[in-house]
């Protein structure tokens, strides 16, 4: 059995996170009958007032492949995608971070206060910030402005 992590962020930055057990989630139904259908299994769903972020399994695992190289030839299009509430694709994280040659392993929302305390990032309280992990690197992105705010090697805490 597999699990999909769902994280919901309220307007006042309260976070609710849970996991659902599934055989593989590839489709999400949106408003007015729209669907988000993906070729790769959905691993993380992050939902906020304005955006839905989906992290999928590395595309190298499509079609039943059981192993994949850690460093990729091309990851201009990577495994985190942003959608609006009607299911329209907004952007791929590769547009923000570039071709980093690795798939992403995780994503979670962080508050402006957490970004300042942990990474020294000064951001407006209205910023919608996410911490993404790939290959031992931490990427902090602002999804409202579609900007990469920080890339640094991971740290043990």
C-alpha atoms as a PDB file:
ATOM      1  CA  UNK A   1       0.000   0.000   0.000  1.00  0.00           C
ATOM      2  CA  UNK A   2       1.138   3.550  -0.732  1.00  0.00           C
ATOM      3  CA  UNK A   3       0.366   6.841   0.965  1.00  0.00           C
ATOM      4  CA  UNK A   4      -0.313  10.330  -0.359  1.00  0.00           C
ATOM      5  CA  UNK A   5       0.400  13.235   1.986  1.00  0.00           C
ATOM      6  CA  UNK A   6      -2.153  16.048   1.956  1.00  0.00           C
ATOM      7  CA  UNK A   7      -1.315  19.422   3.467  1.00  0.00           C
ATOM      8  CA  UNK A   8      -3.926  22.175   3.747  1.00  0.00           C
ATOM      9  CA  UNK A   9      -2.931  25.742   4.618  1.00  0.00           C
ATOM     10  CA  UNK A  10      -5.586  28.157   5.897  1.00  0.00           C
ATOM     11  CA  UNK A  11      -5.614  31.897   5.208  1.00  0.00           C
ATOM     12  CA  UNK A  12      -4.052  32.550   8.638  1.00  0.00           C
ATOM     13  CA  UNK A  13      -1.235  30.017   7.937  1.00  0.00           C
ATOM     14  CA  UNK A  14      -2.542  27.190  10.081  1.00  0.00           C
ATOM     15  CA  UNK A  15      -1.438  23.860   8.674  1.00  0.00           C
ATOM     16  CA  UNK A  16      -3.313  20.570   8.597  1.00  0.00           C
ATOM     17  CA  UNK A  17      -1.489  17.514   7.299  1.00  0.00           C
ATOM     18  CA  UNK A  18      -2.607  13.926   6.890  1.00  0.00           C
ATOM     19  CA  UNK A  19      -1.996  10.871   4.746  1.00  0.00           C
ATOM     20  CA  UNK A  20      -4.379   8.731   2.770  1.00  0.00           C
ATOM     21  CA  UNK A  21      -3.751   5.143   1.824  1.00  0.00           C
ATOM     22  CA  UNK A  22      -4.046   4.407  -1.879  1.00  0.00           C
ATOM     23  CA  UNK A  23      -2.973   2.005  -4.600  1.00  0.00           C
ATOM     24  CA  UNK A  24      -1.862   4.970  -6.684  1.00  0.00           C
ATOM     25  CA  UNK A  25      -3.418   8.383  -7.201  1.00  0.00           C
ATOM     26  CA  UNK A  26      -3.184   9.891 -10.688  1.00  0.00           C
ATOM     27  CA  UNK A  27      -6.324  12.056 -10.946  1.00  0.00           C
ATOM     28  CA  UNK A  28      -7.874  14.797  -8.812  1.00  0.00           C
ATOM     29  CA  UNK A  29     -11.357  16.152  -9.483  1.00  0.00           C
ATOM     30  CA  UNK A  30     -11.612  19.940  -9.297  1.00  0.00           C
ATOM     31  CA  UNK A  31     -14.377  22.521  -9.389  1.00  0.00           C
ATOM     32  CA  UNK A  32     -17.064  22.348 -12.064  1.00  0.00           C
ATOM     33  CA  UNK A  33     -16.100  18.838 -13.162  1.00  0.00           C
ATOM     34  CA  UNK A  34     -12.555  19.694 -14.202  1.00  0.00           C
ATOM     35  CA  UNK A  35      -9.852  17.090 -13.602  1.00  0.00           C
ATOM     36  CA  UNK A  36      -6.134  17.131 -13.046  1.00  0.00           C
ATOM     37  CA  UNK A  37      -4.839  13.955 -14.670  1.00  0.00           C
ATOM     38  CA  UNK A  38      -1.159  13.094 -14.391  1.00  0.00           C
ATOM     39  CA  UNK A  39       1.048  10.406 -15.890  1.00  0.00           C
ATOM     40  CA  UNK A  40       2.922   9.888 -12.601  1.00  0.00           C
ATOM     41  CA  UNK A  41       1.647   8.912  -9.146  1.00  0.00           C
ATOM     42  CA  UNK A  42       0.794  11.813  -6.877  1.00  0.00           C
ATOM     43  CA  UNK A  43       2.870  11.736  -3.662  1.00  0.00           C
ATOM     44  CA  UNK A  44       2.135  15.129  -2.033  1.00  0.00           C
ATOM     45  CA  UNK A  45      -0.817  17.498  -2.320  1.00  0.00           C
ATOM     46  CA  UNK A  46      -0.404  20.997  -0.870  1.00  0.00           C
ATOM     47  CA  UNK A  47      -3.546  23.138  -0.887  1.00  0.00           C
ATOM     48  CA  UNK A  48      -3.798  26.825  -0.078  1.00  0.00           C
ATOM     49  CA  UNK A  49      -6.349  29.547  -0.770  1.00  0.00           C
ATOM     50  CA  UNK A  50      -5.035  30.236  -4.254  1.00  0.00           C
ATOM     51  CA  UNK A  51      -3.117  27.214  -5.475  1.00  0.00           C
ATOM     52  CA  UNK A  52      -2.800  23.437  -5.497  1.00  0.00           C
ATOM     53  CA  UNK A  53       0.753  22.056  -5.604  1.00  0.00           C
ATOM     54  CA  UNK A  54       1.255  18.440  -6.586  1.00  0.00           C
ATOM     55  CA  UNK A  55       4.498  16.505  -6.181  1.00  0.00           C
ATOM     56  CA  UNK A  56       4.532  13.338  -8.207  1.00  0.00           C
ATOM     57  CA  UNK A  57       6.774  10.332  -8.290  1.00  0.00           C
ATOM     58  CA  UNK A  58       9.882  10.778 -10.454  1.00  0.00           C
ATOM     59  CA  UNK A  59       8.859  10.237 -14.080  1.00  0.00           C
ATOM     60  CA  UNK A  60      11.684   7.702 -14.434  1.00  0.00           C
ATOM     61  CA  UNK A  61       9.396   5.245 -12.587  1.00  0.00           C
ATOM     62  CA  UNK A  62       6.683   5.323 -15.246  1.00  0.00           C
ATOM     63  CA  UNK A  63       5.776   2.063 -16.893  1.00  0.00           C
ATOM     64  CA  UNK A  64       6.866  -0.106 -13.960  1.00  0.00           C
ATOM     65  CA  UNK A  65      10.558   0.815 -13.771  1.00  0.00           C
ATOM     66  CA  UNK A  66      11.907  -0.084 -10.304  1.00  0.00           C
ATOM     67  CA  UNK A  67      15.153   1.902 -10.263  1.00  0.00           C
ATOM     68  CA  UNK A  68      16.348   5.202 -11.655  1.00  0.00           C
ATOM     69  CA  UNK A  69      19.564   7.205 -11.622  1.00  0.00           C
ATOM     70  CA  UNK A  70      19.827   9.876  -8.935  1.00  0.00           C
ATOM     71  CA  UNK A  71      21.237  12.497 -11.332  1.00  0.00           C
ATOM     72  CA  UNK A  72      19.075  13.014 -14.420  1.00  0.00           C
ATOM     73  CA  UNK A  73      19.923  14.128 -17.937  1.00  0.00           C
ATOM     74  CA  UNK A  74      17.189  16.735 -18.014  1.00  0.00           C
ATOM     75  CA  UNK A  75      14.860  18.120 -15.359  1.00  0.00           C
ATOM     76  CA  UNK A  76      13.807  21.400 -16.955  1.00  0.00           C
ATOM     77  CA  UNK A  77      10.342  19.985 -16.308  1.00  0.00           C
ATOM     78  CA  UNK A  78      10.396  18.508 -12.824  1.00  0.00           C
ATOM     79  CA  UNK A  79       7.951  16.688 -10.553  1.00  0.00           C
ATOM     80  CA  UNK A  80       6.173  19.568  -8.771  1.00  0.00           C
ATOM     81  CA  UNK A  81       3.362  21.321 -10.612  1.00  0.00           C
ATOM     82  CA  UNK A  82       1.054  24.178  -9.649  1.00  0.00           C
ATOM     83  CA  UNK A  83      -2.640  24.295 -10.549  1.00  0.00           C
ATOM     84  CA  UNK A  84      -5.471  26.699  -9.865  1.00  0.00           C
ATOM     85  CA  UNK A  85      -8.736  25.593  -8.272  1.00  0.00           C
ATOM     86  CA  UNK A  86     -10.263  24.945 -11.707  1.00  0.00           C
ATOM     87  CA  UNK A  87      -7.503  22.452 -12.565  1.00  0.00           C
ATOM     88  CA  UNK A  88      -5.593  24.745 -14.926  1.00  0.00           C
ATOM     89  CA  UNK A  89      -1.842  24.150 -14.990  1.00  0.00           C
ATOM     90  CA  UNK A  90      -0.030  27.300 -13.845  1.00  0.00           C
ATOM     91  CA  UNK A  91       3.648  26.327 -13.816  1.00  0.00           C
ATOM     92  CA  UNK A  92       6.220  23.623 -13.236  1.00  0.00           C
ATOM     93  CA  UNK A  93       8.874  24.092 -10.556  1.00  0.00           C
ATOM     94  CA  UNK A  94      11.573  23.766 -13.218  1.00  0.00           C
ATOM     95  CA  UNK A  95      10.510  27.241 -14.380  1.00  0.00           C
ATOM     96  CA  UNK A  96      11.506  28.580 -10.941  1.00  0.00           C
ATOM     97  CA  UNK A  97      14.604  26.545 -10.072  1.00  0.00           C
ATOM     98  CA  UNK A  98      15.976  25.624 -13.491  1.00  0.00           C
ATOM     99  CA  UNK A  99      17.292  22.264 -14.612  1.00  0.00           C
ATOM    100  CA  UNK A 100      18.692  20.909 -11.332  1.00  0.00           C
ATOM    101  CA  UNK A 101      19.238  17.361 -12.694  1.00  0.00           C
ATOM    102  CA  UNK A 102      17.336  15.751  -9.766  1.00  0.00           C
ATOM    103  CA  UNK A 103      13.699  15.050  -8.933  1.00  0.00           C
ATOM    104  CA  UNK A 104      12.133  16.561  -5.814  1.00  0.00           C
ATOM    105  CA  UNK A 105      11.675  14.393  -2.713  1.00  0.00           C
ATOM    106  CA  UNK A 106       9.363  16.587  -0.666  1.00  0.00           C
ATOM    107  CA  UNK A 107       7.428  19.812  -0.344  1.00  0.00           C
ATOM    108  CA  UNK A 108       5.851  21.602   2.608  1.00  0.00           C
ATOM    109  CA  UNK A 109       4.477  25.052   3.367  1.00  0.00           C
ATOM    110  CA  UNK A 110       6.492  27.360   5.631  1.00  0.00           C
ATOM    111  CA  UNK A 111       5.382  30.630   7.174  1.00  0.00           C
ATOM    112  CA  UNK A 112       7.165  33.942   6.681  1.00  0.00           C
ATOM    113  CA  UNK A 113       8.300  33.741  10.317  1.00  0.00           C
ATOM    114  CA  UNK A 114       9.763  30.241   9.784  1.00  0.00           C
ATOM    115  CA  UNK A 115      11.538  31.394   6.616  1.00  0.00           C
ATOM    116  CA  UNK A 116      13.101  34.286   8.514  1.00  0.00           C
ATOM    117  CA  UNK A 117      14.056  32.252  11.579  1.00  0.00           C
ATOM    118  CA  UNK A 118      15.436  29.215   9.733  1.00  0.00           C
ATOM    119  CA  UNK A 119      16.854  30.755   6.557  1.00  0.00           C
ATOM    120  CA  UNK A 120      17.144  34.520   7.086  1.00  0.00           C
ATOM    121  CA  UNK A 121      14.573  35.218   4.370  1.00  0.00           C
ATOM    122  CA  UNK A 122      12.583  38.410   4.798  1.00  0.00           C
ATOM    123  CA  UNK A 123       9.159  37.896   3.217  1.00  0.00           C
ATOM    124  CA  UNK A 124       5.806  39.610   3.474  1.00  0.00           C
ATOM    125  CA  UNK A 125       3.341  37.862   5.802  1.00  0.00           C
ATOM    126  CA  UNK A 126       1.084  37.460   2.743  1.00  0.00           C
ATOM    127  CA  UNK A 127       3.751  35.456   0.894  1.00  0.00           C
ATOM    128  CA  UNK A 128       2.897  31.861   0.086  1.00  0.00           C
ATOM    129  CA  UNK A 129       6.203  30.066   0.762  1.00  0.00           C
ATOM    130  CA  UNK A 130       7.144  26.433   0.285  1.00  0.00           C
ATOM    131  CA  UNK A 131      10.240  24.472   1.213  1.00  0.00           C
ATOM    132  CA  UNK A 132      11.132  21.883  -1.422  1.00  0.00           C
ATOM    133  CA  UNK A 133      13.824  19.220  -1.030  1.00  0.00           C
ATOM    134  CA  UNK A 134      15.884  17.714  -3.837  1.00  0.00           C
ATOM    135  CA  UNK A 135      19.174  15.854  -3.666  1.00  0.00           C
ATOM    136  CA  UNK A 136      20.105  17.258  -0.271  1.00  0.00           C
ATOM    137  CA  UNK A 137      19.312  20.844  -1.308  1.00  0.00           C
ATOM    138  CA  UNK A 138      16.622  23.048   0.173  1.00  0.00           C
ATOM    139  CA  UNK A 139      14.728  25.336  -2.177  1.00  0.00           C
ATOM    140  CA  UNK A 140      12.461  28.050  -0.800  1.00  0.00           C
ATOM    141  CA  UNK A 141       9.949  29.284  -3.339  1.00  0.00           C
ATOM    142  CA  UNK A 142       7.292  31.996  -3.224  1.00  0.00           C
ATOM    143  CA  UNK A 143       4.413  30.624  -5.261  1.00  0.00           C
ATOM    144  CA  UNK A 144       2.573  33.972  -5.441  1.00  0.00           C
ATOM    145  CA  UNK A 145       5.464  35.746  -7.149  1.00  0.00           C
ATOM    146  CA  UNK A 146       6.767  32.533  -8.780  1.00  0.00           C
ATOM    147  CA  UNK A 147      10.275  33.172  -7.489  1.00  0.00           C
ATOM    148  CA  UNK A 148      13.064  31.080  -6.065  1.00  0.00           C
ATOM    149  CA  UNK A 149      14.113  32.794  -2.827  1.00  0.00           C
ATOM    150  CA  UNK A 150      16.824  30.390  -1.664  1.00  0.00           C
ATOM    151  CA  UNK A 151      18.807  27.346  -2.699  1.00  0.00           C
ATOM    152  CA  UNK A 152      21.197  25.898  -0.167  1.00  0.00           C
ATOM    153  CA  UNK A 153      22.656  22.555   0.872  1.00  0.00           C
ATOM    154  CA  UNK A 154      20.469  20.746   3.407  1.00  0.00           C
ATOM    155  CA  UNK A 155      21.129  20.980   7.096  1.00  0.00           C
ATOM    156  CA  UNK A 156      20.507  18.457   9.838  1.00  0.00           C
ATOM    157  CA  UNK A 157      18.446  19.876  12.687  1.00  0.00           C
END
